[in-house]
């Protein structure tokens, strides 16, 4: 139970971090294009 919860939380945070990184890259690319 706890191992599953730990993995789920880790994957959730990792996905969130990657999402934020991708969004920031797109925003930076947009700013440079302008």
N, C-alpha and C. Protein backbone atom coordinates (compact mmCIF):
# COMPACT_ATOMS: atom_id res chain seq x y z
N UNK A 1 0.81 -1.21 0.00
CA UNK A 1 0.00 0.00 0.00
C UNK A 1 0.85 1.26 0.00
N UNK A 2 1.77 1.32 0.96
CA UNK A 2 2.60 2.54 1.07
C UNK A 2 3.54 2.69 -0.12
N UNK A 3 4.08 1.56 -0.59
CA UNK A 3 4.99 1.62 -1.74
C UNK A 3 4.25 2.17 -2.95
N UNK A 4 3.02 1.69 -3.15
CA UNK A 4 2.21 2.15 -4.28
C UNK A 4 1.91 3.64 -4.15
N UNK A 5 1.56 4.06 -2.93
CA UNK A 5 1.25 5.48 -2.70
C UNK A 5 2.48 6.33 -2.96
N UNK A 6 3.64 5.85 -2.53
CA UNK A 6 4.88 6.60 -2.74
C UNK A 6 5.20 6.76 -4.21
N UNK A 7 5.06 5.65 -4.97
CA UNK A 7 5.33 5.72 -6.40
C UNK A 7 4.34 6.63 -7.10
N UNK A 8 3.07 6.54 -6.70
CA UNK A 8 2.05 7.38 -7.32
C UNK A 8 2.33 8.85 -7.10
N UNK A 9 2.72 9.19 -5.87
CA UNK A 9 3.02 10.58 -5.55
C UNK A 9 4.24 11.06 -6.34
N UNK A 10 5.27 10.21 -6.40
CA UNK A 10 6.49 10.59 -7.13
C UNK A 10 6.19 10.83 -8.61
N UNK A 11 5.45 9.90 -9.22
CA UNK A 11 5.12 10.05 -10.64
C UNK A 11 4.26 11.29 -10.86
N UNK A 12 3.36 11.57 -9.91
CA UNK A 12 2.49 12.74 -10.04
C UNK A 12 3.32 14.01 -10.04
N UNK A 13 4.25 14.12 -9.08
CA UNK A 13 5.09 15.32 -9.01
C UNK A 13 6.00 15.43 -10.23
N UNK A 14 6.58 14.28 -10.66
CA UNK A 14 7.48 14.29 -11.81
C UNK A 14 6.75 14.77 -13.07
N UNK A 15 5.52 14.28 -13.26
CA UNK A 15 4.73 14.69 -14.42
C UNK A 15 4.44 16.19 -14.34
N UNK A 16 4.14 16.69 -13.16
CA UNK A 16 3.85 18.11 -12.98
C UNK A 16 5.06 18.96 -13.29
N UNK A 17 6.24 18.51 -12.83
CA UNK A 17 7.47 19.27 -13.08
C UNK A 17 7.77 19.31 -14.57
N UNK A 18 7.67 18.16 -15.23
CA UNK A 18 7.94 18.11 -16.67
C UNK A 18 6.96 19.01 -17.42
N UNK A 19 5.70 19.03 -16.99
CA UNK A 19 4.69 19.87 -17.63
C UNK A 19 5.07 21.34 -17.52
N UNK A 20 5.48 21.75 -16.34
CA UNK A 20 5.86 23.15 -16.12
C UNK A 20 7.07 23.50 -16.99
N UNK A 21 8.04 22.59 -17.06
CA UNK A 21 9.24 22.85 -17.88
C UNK A 21 8.85 23.05 -19.34
N UNK A 22 7.98 22.20 -19.85
CA UNK A 22 7.55 22.31 -21.25
C UNK A 22 6.84 23.63 -21.49
N UNK A 23 5.94 24.02 -20.58
CA UNK A 23 5.20 25.27 -20.73
C UNK A 23 6.16 26.45 -20.74
N UNK A 24 7.15 26.45 -19.83
CA UNK A 24 8.10 27.56 -19.77
C UNK A 24 8.92 27.64 -21.06
N UNK A 25 9.27 26.47 -21.63
CA UNK A 25 10.01 26.47 -22.89
C UNK A 25 9.18 27.11 -23.99
N UNK A 26 7.89 26.73 -24.06
CA UNK A 26 7.02 27.29 -25.09
C UNK A 26 6.87 28.79 -24.91
N UNK A 27 6.72 29.24 -23.67
CA UNK A 27 6.56 30.67 -23.40
C UNK A 27 7.83 31.41 -23.81
N UNK A 28 9.00 30.83 -23.49
CA UNK A 28 10.27 31.48 -23.86
C UNK A 28 10.39 31.56 -25.38
N UNK A 29 10.04 30.48 -26.07
CA UNK A 29 10.12 30.45 -27.53
C UNK A 29 9.21 31.52 -28.12
N UNK A 30 8.02 31.67 -27.54
CA UNK A 30 7.07 32.68 -28.00
C UNK A 30 7.65 34.07 -27.80
N UNK A 31 8.25 34.31 -26.65
CA UNK A 31 8.81 35.63 -26.35
C UNK A 31 9.93 35.96 -27.34
N UNK A 32 10.77 34.99 -27.65
CA UNK A 32 11.87 35.21 -28.58
C UNK A 32 11.33 35.49 -29.98
N UNK A 33 10.27 34.77 -30.37
CA UNK A 33 9.68 34.95 -31.69
C UNK A 33 9.16 36.38 -31.86
N UNK A 34 8.63 36.93 -30.79
CA UNK A 34 8.11 38.29 -30.86
C UNK A 34 9.27 39.26 -30.96
